[in-house]
Amino acid sequence: MEKVKGKIKEFTGKITGHERLEAEGKTDQVRAKIREKATNVRHRAEGIRDSLKHDRS
């Protein structure tokens, strides 16, 4: 959802010539990508942890 908001801000900034809004949109998109990647890493780590727990049992 944050990526979409960022794209909308960026697009609105481009068509209105509002550079700050465009930059905020790009920043929002980057933040959303970072959060997405961090969530993926966390899920993978949890999966590895769980598989190691099951192997020890």
Protein backbone atom coordinates (compact mmCIF):
# COMPACT_ATOMS: atom_id res chain seq x y z
CA MET A 1 0.00 0.00 0.00
CA GLU A 2 2.88 2.37 0.77
CA LYS A 3 4.35 1.78 -2.68
CA VAL A 4 1.08 2.85 -4.26
CA LYS A 5 0.90 5.99 -2.11
CA GLY A 6 4.48 6.79 -3.08
CA LYS A 7 3.75 6.33 -6.77
CA ILE A 8 0.73 8.60 -6.50
CA LYS A 9 2.78 11.29 -4.73
CA GLU A 10 5.56 11.00 -7.28
CA PHE A 11 3.15 11.19 -10.20
CA THR A 12 1.26 14.13 -8.70
CA GLY A 13 4.54 15.92 -8.07
CA LYS A 14 5.65 15.35 -11.65
CA ILE A 15 2.47 16.63 -13.26
CA THR A 16 2.19 19.65 -10.96
CA GLY A 17 5.90 20.50 -11.03
CA HIS A 18 6.11 20.10 -7.25
CA GLU A 19 9.62 18.67 -6.84
CA ARG A 20 9.33 18.11 -3.10
CA LEU A 21 6.16 16.01 -3.48
CA GLU A 22 7.83 14.01 -6.23
CA ALA A 23 10.86 13.38 -4.01
CA GLU A 24 8.62 12.36 -1.10
CA GLY A 25 6.89 9.88 -3.36
CA LYS A 26 10.18 8.33 -4.39
CA THR A 27 11.29 8.17 -0.76
CA ASP A 28 8.04 6.49 0.26
CA GLN A 29 8.56 3.87 -2.42
CA VAL A 30 12.11 3.14 -1.28
CA ARG A 31 10.97 2.83 2.34
CA ALA A 32 8.22 0.42 1.31
CA LYS A 33 10.74 -1.72 -0.59
CA ILE A 34 13.10 -1.79 2.39
CA ARG A 35 10.29 -2.82 4.74
CA GLU A 36 9.24 -5.53 2.29
CA LYS A 37 12.78 -6.90 2.06
CA ALA A 38 13.21 -6.80 5.85
CA THR A 39 9.96 -8.70 6.31
CA ASN A 40 11.08 -11.33 3.80
CA VAL A 41 14.41 -11.76 5.60
CA ARG A 42 12.64 -12.06 8.96
CA HIS A 43 10.27 -14.71 7.59
CA ARG A 44 13.15 -16.69 6.14
CA ALA A 45 15.04 -16.51 9.41
CA GLU A 46 11.96 -17.69 11.31
CA GLY A 47 11.58 -20.57 8.85
CA ILE A 48 15.20 -21.60 9.33
CA ARG A 49 14.83 -21.36 13.10
CA ASP A 50 11.69 -23.48 13.02
CA SER A 51 13.27 -26.11 10.79
CA LEU A 52 16.26 -26.33 13.12
CA LYS A 53 13.93 -26.80 16.10
CA HIS A 54 12.14 -29.66 14.33
CA ASP A 55 15.42 -31.32 13.38
CA ARG A 56 16.52 -31.43 17.01
CA SER A 57 13.29 -33.06 18.20
